[in-house]
Amino acid sequence: MAIEIKDVSYTYMPGMPFERQALRQVSLTIKKDSFTAIAGHTGSGKSTLVQHFNGLLAPTQGQVLVDGVDINDKSKANRKQAKAARQSVGMVFQYPEQQLFEETVAADIAFGPKNQGLTGEALQDRVREAMHFVHLAPELAERSPFQLSGGQMRRVAIAGVLALNPKYLVLDEPTAGLDPRGREQLIANIQELHAQKGVTIIFISHNMDDIARLADTLVVMAQGEKVAAGTPRDVFQQTELLSQAGLQPPEAMQLLAVLRARGLKVDPTAMTVPEAVQAIQRALTERGRRHAE
């Protein structure tokens, strides 16, 4: 069970004066139950890539398989399977609150499952469950989504996707523009969704600190190509590659690199603030022990 990208290339406006190749022979596998981050500088192709995961874009070349089904196979024999596979991938775009349009929160969340044929009490249960999961109070159901805070609006948009019961959830810069409290609440919701519901999370982020504490897999894109993939800890060690891709390691790792350059023998693989604190404490203790001897 996975999303498999096989030698995918994509060209915008082929044959036109503004033709641009956005992806070049990208291959990768998003494993089920993983928490995968995709990072890259503006124009690296990361947003174009994830729009292939549920068929919003079809590759100019290559294949996209979701749980073994080619989602772009339009043959009569495969049409139903391909549609179901596409619908198993939920997509939340950057600033998803800009996509809200219904008069009430409940109506906005219900829009997707209603179009899939869900009605009556089953539909209402789906809406209530999605609201509960993203910690939206029941009394907000009949409020206009445009009267809510930015963080609440984003949770409404995410609830609308969750109401479709996706196996895979793609989030494009999910915390962009939120205040610190809103960011932490949303991150907690996403972690809960992954841990409790087993939804595979794929998120685009420029924030290396978020990637360090959340992701188990990191894919780095640059100029339309996949240039690295692995655990965040391993990828973050490739500082030259990250620099060429317009990225930097997490701030904790940057601090440790400075301390190492100044002679403190800290663990260079620590990538979160708690890990960095422990690494510094261990290094100071060891240096004190050596001096005492």
C-alpha atoms as a PDB file:
ATOM      1  CA  MET A   1       0.000   0.000   0.000  1.00  0.00           C
ATOM      2  CA  ALA A   2       1.681   3.179  -1.167  1.00  0.00           C
ATOM      3  CA  ILE A   3       1.743   6.084  -3.576  1.00  0.00           C
ATOM      4  CA  GLU A   4       4.303   5.273  -6.254  1.00  0.00           C
ATOM      5  CA  ILE A   5       5.679   7.881  -8.634  1.00  0.00           C
ATOM      6  CA  LYS A   6       7.468   6.258 -11.559  1.00  0.00           C
ATOM      7  CA  ASP A   7       9.688   8.381 -13.844  1.00  0.00           C
ATOM      8  CA  VAL A   8       7.185  11.236 -13.827  1.00  0.00           C
ATOM      9  CA  SER A   9       7.862  14.307 -15.932  1.00  0.00           C
ATOM     10  CA  TYR A  10       5.473  17.203 -16.354  1.00  0.00           C
ATOM     11  CA  THR A  11       5.516  20.124 -18.770  1.00  0.00           C
ATOM     12  CA  TYR A  12       3.331  23.193 -18.441  1.00  0.00           C
ATOM     13  CA  MET A  13       1.899  24.588 -21.708  1.00  0.00           C
ATOM     14  CA  PRO A  14       3.681  22.148 -24.051  1.00  0.00           C
ATOM     15  CA  GLY A  15       4.255  23.521 -27.527  1.00  0.00           C
ATOM     16  CA  MET A  16       3.505  27.063 -26.402  1.00  0.00           C
ATOM     17  CA  PRO A  17       5.926  30.030 -26.149  1.00  0.00           C
ATOM     18  CA  PHE A  18       5.859  29.757 -22.337  1.00  0.00           C
ATOM     19  CA  GLU A  19       6.466  26.006 -22.221  1.00  0.00           C
ATOM     20  CA  ARG A  20       8.168  25.009 -18.973  1.00  0.00           C
ATOM     21  CA  GLN A  21       9.249  21.611 -17.698  1.00  0.00           C
ATOM     22  CA  ALA A  22       8.311  21.479 -14.001  1.00  0.00           C
ATOM     23  CA  LEU A  23       9.241  17.835 -13.250  1.00  0.00           C
ATOM     24  CA  ARG A  24      12.002  15.683 -14.699  1.00  0.00           C
ATOM     25  CA  GLN A  25      11.816  11.896 -14.316  1.00  0.00           C
ATOM     26  CA  VAL A  26      10.871  11.896 -10.649  1.00  0.00           C
ATOM     27  CA  SER A  27      10.559   8.509  -8.961  1.00  0.00           C
ATOM     28  CA  LEU A  28       9.652   8.007  -5.319  1.00  0.00           C
ATOM     29  CA  THR A  29       7.448   5.925  -3.030  1.00  0.00           C
ATOM     30  CA  ILE A  30       5.275   7.334  -0.247  1.00  0.00           C
ATOM     31  CA  LYS A  31       4.815   4.394   2.095  1.00  0.00           C
ATOM     32  CA  LYS A  32       1.495   3.877   3.829  1.00  0.00           C
ATOM     33  CA  ASP A  33       1.486   5.082   7.459  1.00  0.00           C
ATOM     34  CA  SER A  34       4.528   7.277   6.837  1.00  0.00           C
ATOM     35  CA  PHE A  35       4.837  10.963   7.757  1.00  0.00           C
ATOM     36  CA  THR A  36       6.611  12.329   4.703  1.00  0.00           C
ATOM     37  CA  ALA A  37       7.872  15.881   4.224  1.00  0.00           C
ATOM     38  CA  ILE A  38       8.626  17.370   0.818  1.00  0.00           C
ATOM     39  CA  ALA A  39      10.929  20.389   0.849  1.00  0.00           C
ATOM     40  CA  GLY A  40      12.406  22.620  -1.801  1.00  0.00           C
ATOM     41  CA  HIS A  41      12.900  26.208  -2.799  1.00  0.00           C
ATOM     42  CA  THR A  42      10.192  28.136  -4.661  1.00  0.00           C
ATOM     43  CA  GLY A  43       9.949  26.716  -8.167  1.00  0.00           C
ATOM     44  CA  SER A  44      11.498  23.375  -7.227  1.00  0.00           C
ATOM     45  CA  GLY A  45       8.446  21.434  -8.451  1.00  0.00           C
ATOM     46  CA  LYS A  46       7.169  20.217  -5.076  1.00  0.00           C
ATOM     47  CA  SER A  47       3.627  21.605  -5.445  1.00  0.00           C
ATOM     48  CA  THR A  48       3.407  20.334  -9.012  1.00  0.00           C
ATOM     49  CA  LEU A  49       4.551  16.920  -7.783  1.00  0.00           C
ATOM     50  CA  VAL A  50       1.893  16.507  -5.090  1.00  0.00           C
ATOM     51  CA  GLN A  51      -0.880  17.544  -7.493  1.00  0.00           C
ATOM     52  CA  HIS A  52      -0.121  14.311  -9.351  1.00  0.00           C
ATOM     53  CA  PHE A  53      -0.939  12.223  -6.266  1.00  0.00           C
ATOM     54  CA  ASN A  54      -4.713  12.473  -6.758  1.00  0.00           C
ATOM     55  CA  GLY A  55      -4.895  13.207 -10.451  1.00  0.00           C
ATOM     56  CA  LEU A  56      -5.253  16.987 -10.372  1.00  0.00           C
ATOM     57  CA  LEU A  57      -2.394  16.881 -12.847  1.00  0.00           C
ATOM     58  CA  ALA A  58      -1.610  13.976 -15.166  1.00  0.00           C
ATOM     59  CA  PRO A  59       2.039  13.325 -15.991  1.00  0.00           C
ATOM     60  CA  THR A  60       3.396  14.243 -19.388  1.00  0.00           C
ATOM     61  CA  GLN A  61       5.445  11.091 -18.998  1.00  0.00           C
ATOM     62  CA  GLY A  62       5.507   8.307 -16.393  1.00  0.00           C
ATOM     63  CA  GLN A  63       2.998   6.686 -14.042  1.00  0.00           C
ATOM     64  CA  VAL A  64       1.296   7.443 -10.734  1.00  0.00           C
ATOM     65  CA  LEU A  65       0.081   4.408  -8.795  1.00  0.00           C
ATOM     66  CA  VAL A  66      -2.036   4.616  -5.651  1.00  0.00           C
ATOM     67  CA  ASP A  67      -2.213   1.260  -3.879  1.00  0.00           C
ATOM     68  CA  GLY A  68      -1.157  -0.376  -7.130  1.00  0.00           C
ATOM     69  CA  VAL A  69      -3.781   1.354  -9.295  1.00  0.00           C
ATOM     70  CA  ASP A  70      -2.753   3.624 -12.162  1.00  0.00           C
ATOM     71  CA  ILE A  71      -4.902   6.664 -11.394  1.00  0.00           C
ATOM     72  CA  ASN A  72      -4.565   8.027 -14.937  1.00  0.00           C
ATOM     73  CA  ASP A  73      -5.631   4.818 -16.678  1.00  0.00           C
ATOM     74  CA  LYS A  74      -8.828   5.822 -18.482  1.00  0.00           C
ATOM     75  CA  SER A  75      -9.638   2.373 -19.820  1.00  0.00           C
ATOM     76  CA  LYS A  76     -13.178   1.191 -19.134  1.00  0.00           C
ATOM     77  CA  ALA A  77     -11.951  -1.792 -17.112  1.00  0.00           C
ATOM     78  CA  ASN A  78      -9.920   0.430 -14.752  1.00  0.00           C
ATOM     79  CA  ARG A  79     -12.075   3.556 -14.585  1.00  0.00           C
ATOM     80  CA  LYS A  80     -13.895   2.743 -11.342  1.00  0.00           C
ATOM     81  CA  GLN A  81     -10.733   1.608  -9.543  1.00  0.00           C
ATOM     82  CA  ALA A  82      -8.825   4.694 -10.703  1.00  0.00           C
ATOM     83  CA  LYS A  83     -11.539   7.016  -9.404  1.00  0.00           C
ATOM     84  CA  ALA A  84     -11.575   5.289  -5.999  1.00  0.00           C
ATOM     85  CA  ALA A  85      -7.777   5.467  -5.818  1.00  0.00           C
ATOM     86  CA  ARG A  86      -7.785   9.188  -6.621  1.00  0.00           C
ATOM     87  CA  GLN A  87     -10.432   9.821  -3.965  1.00  0.00           C
ATOM     88  CA  SER A  88      -8.303   8.070  -1.333  1.00  0.00           C
ATOM     89  CA  VAL A  89      -5.849  10.980  -1.520  1.00  0.00           C
ATOM     90  CA  GLY A  90      -7.089  14.160   0.177  1.00  0.00           C
ATOM     91  CA  MET A  91      -5.498  17.472  -0.753  1.00  0.00           C
ATOM     92  CA  VAL A  92      -5.331  20.607   1.396  1.00  0.00           C
ATOM     93  CA  PHE A  93      -3.782  23.503  -0.487  1.00  0.00           C
ATOM     94  CA  GLN A  94      -1.753  26.368   0.952  1.00  0.00           C
ATOM     95  CA  TYR A  95      -4.109  28.890   2.583  1.00  0.00           C
ATOM     96  CA  PRO A  96      -7.063  26.475   2.262  1.00  0.00           C
ATOM     97  CA  GLU A  97      -9.362  28.965   3.997  1.00  0.00           C
ATOM     98  CA  GLN A  98      -9.420  30.808   0.668  1.00  0.00           C
ATOM     99  CA  GLN A  99     -11.322  27.817  -0.742  1.00  0.00           C
ATOM    100  CA  LEU A 100     -14.192  28.042   1.767  1.00  0.00           C
ATOM    101  CA  PHE A 101     -17.429  29.095   0.093  1.00  0.00           C
ATOM    102  CA  GLU A 102     -20.521  27.723   1.867  1.00  0.00           C
ATOM    103  CA  GLU A 103     -22.732  29.774   4.204  1.00  0.00           C
ATOM    104  CA  THR A 104     -22.016  27.663   7.281  1.00  0.00           C
ATOM    105  CA  VAL A 105     -19.154  25.599   8.670  1.00  0.00           C
ATOM    106  CA  ALA A 106     -21.264  22.416   8.585  1.00  0.00           C
ATOM    107  CA  ALA A 107     -22.305  22.956   4.964  1.00  0.00           C
ATOM    108  CA  ASP A 108     -18.697  23.508   3.899  1.00  0.00           C
ATOM    109  CA  ILE A 109     -17.502  20.329   5.599  1.00  0.00           C
ATOM    110  CA  ALA A 110     -20.454  18.366   4.194  1.00  0.00           C
ATOM    111  CA  PHE A 111     -19.874  19.463   0.596  1.00  0.00           C
ATOM    112  CA  GLY A 112     -17.426  16.686  -0.372  1.00  0.00           C
ATOM    113  CA  PRO A 113     -19.133  13.651   1.208  1.00  0.00           C
ATOM    114  CA  LYS A 114     -22.509  14.930  -0.018  1.00  0.00           C
ATOM    115  CA  ASN A 115     -21.191  14.922  -3.578  1.00  0.00           C
ATOM    116  CA  GLN A 116     -20.058  11.340  -3.005  1.00  0.00           C
ATOM    117  CA  GLY A 117     -23.659  10.388  -2.252  1.00  0.00           C
ATOM    118  CA  LEU A 118     -23.738  10.514   1.547  1.00  0.00           C
ATOM    119  CA  THR A 119     -27.042  11.841   2.945  1.00  0.00           C
ATOM    120  CA  GLY A 120     -29.147  12.198   6.090  1.00  0.00           C
ATOM    121  CA  GLU A 121     -27.844  11.178   9.504  1.00  0.00           C
ATOM    122  CA  ALA A 122     -24.801   9.469   8.004  1.00  0.00           C
ATOM    123  CA  LEU A 123     -23.768  12.781   6.471  1.00  0.00           C
ATOM    124  CA  GLN A 124     -24.349  14.671   9.718  1.00  0.00           C
ATOM    125  CA  ASP A 125     -22.336  12.082  11.653  1.00  0.00           C
ATOM    126  CA  ARG A 126     -19.460  12.488   9.203  1.00  0.00           C
ATOM    127  CA  VAL A 127     -19.517  16.273   9.676  1.00  0.00           C
ATOM    128  CA  ARG A 128     -19.656  16.012  13.484  1.00  0.00           C
ATOM    129  CA  GLU A 129     -16.796  13.506  13.533  1.00  0.00           C
ATOM    130  CA  ALA A 130     -14.597  15.683  11.320  1.00  0.00           C
ATOM    131  CA  MET A 131     -15.307  18.775  13.434  1.00  0.00           C
ATOM    132  CA  HIS A 132     -14.582  16.892  16.636  1.00  0.00           C
ATOM    133  CA  PHE A 133     -11.319  15.562  15.305  1.00  0.00           C
ATOM    134  CA  VAL A 134      -9.946  19.003  14.441  1.00  0.00           C
ATOM    135  CA  HIS A 135     -11.288  20.408  17.733  1.00  0.00           C
ATOM    136  CA  LEU A 136     -13.956  22.697  16.307  1.00  0.00           C
ATOM    137  CA  ALA A 137     -16.681  23.319  18.903  1.00  0.00           C
ATOM    138  CA  PRO A 138     -20.151  22.006  17.907  1.00  0.00           C
ATOM    139  CA  GLU A 139     -21.654  25.482  18.301  1.00  0.00           C
ATOM    140  CA  LEU A 140     -19.551  26.664  15.353  1.00  0.00           C
ATOM    141  CA  ALA A 141     -21.425  24.369  12.950  1.00  0.00           C
ATOM    142  CA  GLU A 142     -23.997  26.999  11.992  1.00  0.00           C
ATOM    143  CA  ARG A 143     -21.578  29.917  11.985  1.00  0.00           C
ATOM    144  CA  SER A 144     -20.254  31.413   8.790  1.00  0.00           C
ATOM    145  CA  PRO A 145     -16.702  30.140   8.243  1.00  0.00           C
ATOM    146  CA  PHE A 146     -15.716  33.709   7.348  1.00  0.00           C
ATOM    147  CA  GLN A 147     -16.438  34.851  10.907  1.00  0.00           C
ATOM    148  CA  LEU A 148     -13.798  32.546  12.381  1.00  0.00           C
ATOM    149  CA  SER A 149     -10.134  33.090  13.164  1.00  0.00           C
ATOM    150  CA  GLY A 150      -7.468  32.148  10.628  1.00  0.00           C
ATOM    151  CA  GLY A 151      -6.584  28.982  12.538  1.00  0.00           C
ATOM    152  CA  GLN A 152     -10.231  27.955  12.841  1.00  0.00           C
ATOM    153  CA  MET A 153     -10.840  28.563   9.135  1.00  0.00           C
ATOM    154  CA  ARG A 154      -7.889  26.353   8.276  1.00  0.00           C
ATOM    155  CA  ARG A 155      -9.269  23.608  10.517  1.00  0.00           C
ATOM    156  CA  VAL A 156     -12.645  23.883   8.757  1.00  0.00           C
ATOM    157  CA  ALA A 157     -10.904  23.378   5.418  1.00  0.00           C
ATOM    158  CA  ILE A 158      -9.003  20.373   6.751  1.00  0.00           C
ATOM    159  CA  ALA A 159     -12.197  18.952   8.294  1.00  0.00           C
ATOM    160  CA  GLY A 160     -13.826  19.165   4.862  1.00  0.00           C
ATOM    161  CA  VAL A 161     -11.092  16.942   3.450  1.00  0.00           C
ATOM    162  CA  LEU A 162     -11.144  14.585   6.454  1.00  0.00           C
ATOM    163  CA  ALA A 163     -14.886  14.128   5.969  1.00  0.00           C
ATOM    164  CA  LEU A 164     -13.995  12.279   2.764  1.00  0.00           C
ATOM    165  CA  ASN A 165     -12.133   9.656   4.850  1.00  0.00           C
ATOM    166  CA  PRO A 166      -8.864   9.796   2.869  1.00  0.00           C
ATOM    167  CA  LYS A 167      -6.136   7.183   3.352  1.00  0.00           C
ATOM    168  CA  TYR A 168      -3.519   9.747   2.349  1.00  0.00           C
ATOM    169  CA  LEU A 169      -3.573  13.441   3.231  1.00  0.00           C
ATOM    170  CA  VAL A 170      -1.455  15.995   1.358  1.00  0.00           C
ATOM    171  CA  LEU A 171      -0.908  19.336   3.111  1.00  0.00           C
ATOM    172  CA  ASP A 172       0.781  22.214   1.275  1.00  0.00           C
ATOM    173  CA  GLU A 173       2.496  24.487   3.845  1.00  0.00           C
ATOM    174  CA  PRO A 174      -0.266  23.768   6.409  1.00  0.00           C
ATOM    175  CA  THR A 175       0.982  26.237   9.054  1.00  0.00           C
ATOM    176  CA  ALA A 176       1.819  29.159   6.739  1.00  0.00           C
ATOM    177  CA  GLY A 177       0.516  32.488   8.019  1.00  0.00           C
ATOM    178  CA  LEU A 178      -0.750  31.191  11.365  1.00  0.00           C
ATOM    179  CA  ASP A 179       0.210  32.712  14.708  1.00  0.00           C
ATOM    180  CA  PRO A 180       2.282  30.518  17.088  1.00  0.00           C
ATOM    181  CA  ARG A 181      -0.765  29.241  18.965  1.00  0.00           C
ATOM    182  CA  GLY A 182      -2.611  28.410  15.751  1.00  0.00           C
ATOM    183  CA  ARG A 183       0.474  26.652  14.379  1.00  0.00           C
ATOM    184  CA  GLU A 184       0.859  24.440  17.428  1.00  0.00           C
ATOM    185  CA  GLN A 185      -2.833  23.556  17.523  1.00  0.00           C
ATOM    186  CA  LEU A 186      -2.816  22.590  13.857  1.00  0.00           C
ATOM    187  CA  ILE A 187       0.384  20.550  14.197  1.00  0.00           C
ATOM    188  CA  ALA A 188      -1.167  18.704  17.153  1.00  0.00           C
ATOM    189  CA  ASN A 189      -4.256  17.948  15.020  1.00  0.00           C
ATOM    190  CA  ILE A 190      -2.113  16.568  12.200  1.00  0.00           C
ATOM    191  CA  GLN A 191      -0.074  14.406  14.602  1.00  0.00           C
ATOM    192  CA  GLU A 192      -3.285  13.102  16.155  1.00  0.00           C
ATOM    193  CA  LEU A 193      -4.710  12.294  12.733  1.00  0.00           C
ATOM    194  CA  HIS A 194      -1.598  10.319  11.847  1.00  0.00           C
ATOM    195  CA  ALA A 195      -1.325   8.488  15.174  1.00  0.00           C
ATOM    196  CA  GLN A 196      -4.985   7.725  15.882  1.00  0.00           C
ATOM    197  CA  LYS A 197      -6.521   7.325  12.432  1.00  0.00           C
ATOM    198  CA  GLY A 198      -3.492   5.922  10.645  1.00  0.00           C
ATOM    199  CA  VAL A 199      -3.721   8.469   7.846  1.00  0.00           C
ATOM    200  CA  THR A 200      -0.543   8.736   5.794  1.00  0.00           C
ATOM    201  CA  ILE A 201       0.620  12.350   5.919  1.00  0.00           C
ATOM    202  CA  ILE A 202       2.489  14.097   3.106  1.00  0.00           C
ATOM    203  CA  PHE A 203       3.295  17.722   3.807  1.00  0.00           C
ATOM    204  CA  ILE A 204       5.162  20.429   1.950  1.00  0.00           C
ATOM    205  CA  SER A 205       7.135  22.716   4.207  1.00  0.00           C
ATOM    206  CA  HIS A 206       9.922  25.283   4.186  1.00  0.00           C
ATOM    207  CA  ASN A 207      10.200  24.916   7.971  1.00  0.00           C
ATOM    208  CA  MET A 208      13.060  22.537   8.687  1.00  0.00           C
ATOM    209  CA  ASP A 209      12.304  22.585  12.421  1.00  0.00           C
ATOM    210  CA  ASP A 210       8.782  21.291  11.783  1.00  0.00           C
ATOM    211  CA  ILE A 211      10.181  18.622   9.473  1.00  0.00           C
ATOM    212  CA  ALA A 212      12.729  17.570  12.103  1.00  0.00           C
ATOM    213  CA  ARG A 213      10.129  16.985  14.801  1.00  0.00           C
ATOM    214  CA  LEU A 214       7.318  15.565  12.662  1.00  0.00           C
ATOM    215  CA  ALA A 215       8.549  13.648   9.627  1.00  0.00           C
ATOM    216  CA  ASP A 216      10.013  10.171   9.368  1.00  0.00           C
ATOM    217  CA  THR A 217      10.869  10.666   5.682  1.00  0.00           C
ATOM    218  CA  LEU A 218      12.173  13.729   3.838  1.00  0.00           C
ATOM    219  CA  VAL A 219      12.189  14.285   0.076  1.00  0.00           C
ATOM    220  CA  VAL A 220      14.139  17.259  -1.280  1.00  0.00           C
ATOM    221  CA  MET A 221      13.229  18.754  -4.667  1.00  0.00           C
ATOM    222  CA  ALA A 222      15.331  21.117  -6.766  1.00  0.00           C
ATOM    223  CA  GLN A 223      14.726  22.357 -10.310  1.00  0.00           C
ATOM    224  CA  GLY A 224      12.060  19.755 -10.936  1.00  0.00           C
ATOM    225  CA  GLU A 225      14.129  16.810  -9.763  1.00  0.00           C
ATOM    226  CA  LYS A 226      14.276  14.687  -6.631  1.00  0.00           C
ATOM    227  CA  VAL A 227      17.767  15.328  -5.283  1.00  0.00           C
ATOM    228  CA  ALA A 228      17.538  13.518  -1.935  1.00  0.00           C
ATOM    229  CA  ALA A 229      15.276  11.191   0.020  1.00  0.00           C
ATOM    230  CA  GLY A 230      15.697   9.453   3.357  1.00  0.00           C
ATOM    231  CA  THR A 231      15.252  10.067   7.043  1.00  0.00           C
ATOM    232  CA  PRO A 232      15.419  13.763   7.988  1.00  0.00           C
ATOM    233  CA  ARG A 233      18.440  13.043  10.186  1.00  0.00           C
ATOM    234  CA  ASP A 234      20.362  11.558   7.252  1.00  0.00           C
ATOM    235  CA  VAL A 235      19.284  14.177   4.716  1.00  0.00           C
ATOM    236  CA  PHE A 236      20.109  17.059   7.070  1.00  0.00           C
ATOM    237  CA  GLN A 237      23.726  15.842   7.196  1.00  0.00           C
ATOM    238  CA  GLN A 238      24.035  16.643   3.479  1.00  0.00           C
ATOM    239  CA  THR A 239      24.605  20.354   4.056  1.00  0.00           C
ATOM    240  CA  GLU A 240      26.125  21.073   0.634  1.00  0.00           C
ATOM    241  CA  LEU A 241      23.198  19.440  -1.153  1.00  0.00           C
ATOM    242  CA  LEU A 242      20.720  21.358   1.007  1.00  0.00           C
ATOM    243  CA  SER A 243      22.501  24.620   0.275  1.00  0.00           C
ATOM    244  CA  GLN A 244      22.372  23.935  -3.471  1.00  0.00           C
ATOM    245  CA  ALA A 245      18.619  23.305  -3.095  1.00  0.00           C
ATOM    246  CA  GLY A 246      18.196  26.651  -1.287  1.00  0.00           C
ATOM    247  CA  LEU A 247      17.587  25.044   2.098  1.00  0.00           C
ATOM    248  CA  GLN A 248      19.305  24.952   5.480  1.00  0.00           C
ATOM    249  CA  PRO A 249      19.304  22.363   8.284  1.00  0.00           C
ATOM    250  CA  PRO A 250      17.141  23.035  11.368  1.00  0.00           C
ATOM    251  CA  GLU A 251      18.281  25.897  13.604  1.00  0.00           C
ATOM    252  CA  ALA A 252      19.352  23.458  16.337  1.00  0.00           C
ATOM    253  CA  MET A 253      21.732  21.728  13.920  1.00  0.00           C
ATOM    254  CA  GLN A 254      23.113  25.062  12.741  1.00  0.00           C
ATOM    255  CA  LEU A 255      23.850  26.041  16.360  1.00  0.00           C
ATOM    256  CA  LEU A 256      25.595  22.728  17.012  1.00  0.00           C
ATOM    257  CA  ALA A 257      27.719  23.200  13.896  1.00  0.00           C
ATOM    258  CA  VAL A 258      28.890  26.578  15.253  1.00  0.00           C
ATOM    259  CA  LEU A 259      29.704  25.038  18.652  1.00  0.00           C
ATOM    260  CA  ARG A 260      31.668  22.220  17.000  1.00  0.00           C
ATOM    261  CA  ALA A 261      33.639  24.766  14.968  1.00  0.00           C
ATOM    262  CA  ARG A 262      34.537  26.444  18.265  1.00  0.00           C
ATOM    263  CA  GLY A 263      35.798  23.216  19.763  1.00  0.00           C
ATOM    264  CA  LEU A 264      32.837  21.792  21.695  1.00  0.00           C
ATOM    265  CA  LYS A 265      32.453  18.136  20.743  1.00  0.00           C
ATOM    266  CA  VAL A 266      28.666  17.999  20.423  1.00  0.00           C
ATOM    267  CA  ASP A 267      26.716  15.341  18.560  1.00  0.00           C
ATOM    268  CA  PRO A 268      26.228  16.808  15.041  1.00  0.00           C
ATOM    269  CA  THR A 269      23.180  14.600  14.335  1.00  0.00           C
ATOM    270  CA  ALA A 270      20.936  16.161  17.015  1.00  0.00           C
ATOM    271  CA  MET A 271      18.251  18.011  15.049  1.00  0.00           C
ATOM    272  CA  THR A 272      15.572  19.208  17.485  1.00  0.00           C
ATOM    273  CA  VAL A 273      15.877  21.664  20.382  1.00  0.00           C
ATOM    274  CA  PRO A 274      15.491  18.970  23.097  1.00  0.00           C
ATOM    275  CA  GLU A 275      18.102  16.801  21.347  1.00  0.00           C
ATOM    276  CA  ALA A 276      20.449  19.799  21.032  1.00  0.00           C
ATOM    277  CA  VAL A 277      20.090  20.627  24.735  1.00  0.00           C
ATOM    278  CA  GLN A 278      21.003  17.059  25.659  1.00  0.00           C
ATOM    279  CA  ALA A 279      23.929  17.051  23.213  1.00  0.00           C
ATOM    280  CA  ILE A 280      25.331  20.285  24.700  1.00  0.00           C
ATOM    281  CA  GLN A 281      24.910  19.037  28.257  1.00  0.00           C
ATOM    282  CA  ARG A 282      26.708  15.772  27.426  1.00  0.00           C
ATOM    283  CA  ALA A 283      29.529  17.611  25.675  1.00  0.00           C
ATOM    284  CA  LEU A 284      29.992  20.043  28.578  1.00  0.00           C
ATOM    285  CA  THR A 285      29.969  17.193  31.094  1.00  0.00           C
ATOM    286  CA  GLU A 286      32.560  15.287  29.071  1.00  0.00           C
ATOM    287  CA  ARG A 287      34.749  18.365  28.709  1.00  0.00           C
ATOM    288  CA  GLY A 288      34.537  18.986  32.466  1.00  0.00           C
ATOM    289  CA  ARG A 289      35.495  15.380  33.152  1.00  0.00           C
ATOM    290  CA  ARG A 290      38.513  15.588  30.828  1.00  0.00           C
ATOM    291  CA  HIS A 291      39.678  18.833  32.453  1.00  0.00           C
ATOM    292  CA  ALA A 292      39.346  17.288  35.934  1.00  0.00           C
ATOM    293  CA  GLU A 293      41.641  14.480  34.885  1.00  0.00           C
END
